[in-house]
Amino acid sequence: MARPQGKSTRVFKRQPRARDRAWQSMRMLRTFTLPDLMATAEIGYDNIKKYIGGLECAGYLRRVRDKNNGRKGGHVAWMLVRNTGPRAPRLQSDGNTYDPNKHKIYEGGLKQ
């Protein structure tokens, strides 16, 4: 059976955004620092700092090492504790976090 005239069968997938790439890096690394994510996900400092802060408030991340000024590798380290799937959680403007893998909204996150 032929497809109807004018209908497209093509599926358009968007390019992964910076936070999508950061989420994939978090899933692979499990324990990471800000410079780790900036290098692997090619994401800017301000963007990743806001995203990590939101995920930490929502319970996706936990700090495993505090900042140690003046030391080599003295960055804050985080661990991914809620790995819900391949699609990156979205920080919403109302301060909640939407998880597209679970189709659930979690309390916490940053006001954007």
Protein backbone atom coordinates (compact mmCIF):
# COMPACT_ATOMS: atom_id res chain seq x y z
CA MET A 1 0.00 0.00 0.00
CA ALA A 2 1.39 3.39 -0.98
CA ARG A 3 1.66 6.21 1.49
CA PRO A 4 -0.85 9.08 1.22
CA GLN A 5 0.17 11.97 -1.01
CA GLY A 6 1.95 14.75 0.90
CA LYS A 7 2.69 12.67 4.01
CA SER A 8 6.29 12.32 5.04
CA THR A 9 7.61 9.10 6.50
CA ARG A 10 10.88 10.64 7.59
CA VAL A 11 11.62 10.78 11.32
CA PHE A 12 13.54 13.88 12.37
CA LYS A 13 15.87 13.52 15.32
CA ARG A 14 17.37 16.63 16.83
CA GLN A 15 21.07 16.97 17.47
CA PRO A 16 22.08 16.23 21.07
CA ARG A 17 22.22 19.42 23.10
CA ALA A 18 25.01 20.27 25.52
CA ARG A 19 23.09 18.99 28.55
CA ASP A 20 22.25 15.76 26.70
CA ARG A 21 25.96 15.22 26.10
CA ALA A 22 26.73 16.07 29.73
CA TRP A 23 24.14 13.50 30.91
CA GLN A 24 25.70 10.82 28.72
CA SER A 25 29.12 11.67 30.15
CA MET A 26 27.77 11.44 33.71
CA ARG A 27 26.31 8.02 32.95
CA MET A 28 29.63 6.75 31.57
CA LEU A 29 31.95 8.29 34.16
CA ARG A 30 29.77 7.70 37.28
CA THR A 31 32.12 9.88 39.39
CA PHE A 32 33.25 13.14 37.80
CA THR A 33 34.33 16.75 38.26
CA LEU A 34 33.32 19.92 36.43
CA PRO A 35 36.44 19.90 34.19
CA ASP A 36 35.76 16.24 33.31
CA LEU A 37 32.31 17.12 32.00
CA MET A 38 33.47 20.28 30.26
CA ALA A 39 36.04 18.24 28.35
CA THR A 40 33.95 15.19 27.50
CA ALA A 41 30.65 16.93 26.74
CA GLU A 42 32.02 20.13 25.19
CA ILE A 43 29.82 22.30 27.39
CA GLY A 44 30.40 25.75 28.87
CA TYR A 45 31.23 26.41 32.51
CA ASP A 46 28.07 28.36 33.42
CA ASN A 47 25.77 25.87 31.68
CA ILE A 48 27.23 22.77 33.34
CA LYS A 49 27.40 24.47 36.75
CA LYS A 50 23.66 25.26 36.63
CA TYR A 51 22.82 21.77 35.37
CA ILE A 52 24.87 20.01 38.06
CA GLY A 53 23.34 22.25 40.74
CA GLY A 54 19.83 21.41 39.56
CA LEU A 55 20.49 17.68 39.39
CA GLU A 56 22.06 17.75 42.84
CA CYS A 57 18.98 19.49 44.30
CA ALA A 58 16.70 16.96 42.59
CA GLY A 59 18.63 14.01 44.03
CA TYR A 60 20.34 12.73 40.88
CA LEU A 61 23.85 13.60 42.08
CA ARG A 62 25.72 13.40 45.38
CA ARG A 63 28.97 15.15 46.31
CA VAL A 64 31.71 12.68 47.08
CA ARG A 65 34.61 15.13 47.48
CA ASP A 66 34.58 18.79 48.45
CA LYS A 67 36.71 21.45 46.79
CA ASN A 68 40.33 21.54 47.95
CA ASN A 69 41.81 24.90 46.95
CA GLY A 70 45.45 25.04 46.00
CA ARG A 71 45.75 21.32 45.31
CA LYS A 72 46.17 19.58 41.98
CA GLY A 73 42.83 18.00 41.07
CA GLY A 74 41.16 19.74 44.00
CA HIS A 75 37.78 20.11 42.26
CA VAL A 76 34.44 19.08 43.71
CA ALA A 77 33.58 15.51 42.65
CA TRP A 78 30.03 14.23 42.16
CA MET A 79 28.60 10.75 41.80
CA LEU A 80 25.55 9.85 39.75
CA VAL A 81 23.14 8.15 42.17
CA ARG A 82 19.92 8.14 40.09
CA ASN A 83 20.63 6.84 36.60
CA THR A 84 17.14 6.59 35.12
CA GLY A 85 18.04 6.07 31.46
CA PRO A 86 19.55 7.55 28.32
CA ARG A 87 17.42 10.68 28.04
CA ALA A 88 18.69 13.68 30.02
CA PRO A 89 16.54 15.09 32.86
CA ARG A 90 15.20 18.58 32.08
CA LEU A 91 15.33 21.39 34.62
CA GLN A 92 12.05 23.27 34.49
CA SER A 93 11.50 26.98 35.04
CA ASP A 94 9.28 26.32 38.11
CA GLY A 95 12.21 24.71 39.95
CA ASN A 96 11.23 21.07 39.35
CA THR A 97 13.01 18.45 37.26
CA TYR A 98 11.26 16.42 34.57
CA ASP A 99 12.61 12.94 33.86
CA PRO A 100 11.67 11.85 30.31
CA ASN A 101 12.75 8.26 31.01
CA LYS A 102 10.28 7.76 33.88
CA HIS A 103 7.77 10.39 32.66
CA LYS A 104 7.87 11.83 36.17
CA ILE A 105 8.42 15.24 37.74
CA TYR A 106 10.76 15.37 40.75
CA GLU A 107 10.74 18.11 43.37
CA GLY A 108 13.92 20.11 43.42
CA GLY A 109 16.09 21.68 40.80
CA LEU A 110 17.03 25.27 40.22
CA LYS A 111 14.81 28.18 39.32
CA GLN A 112 15.98 29.13 35.86
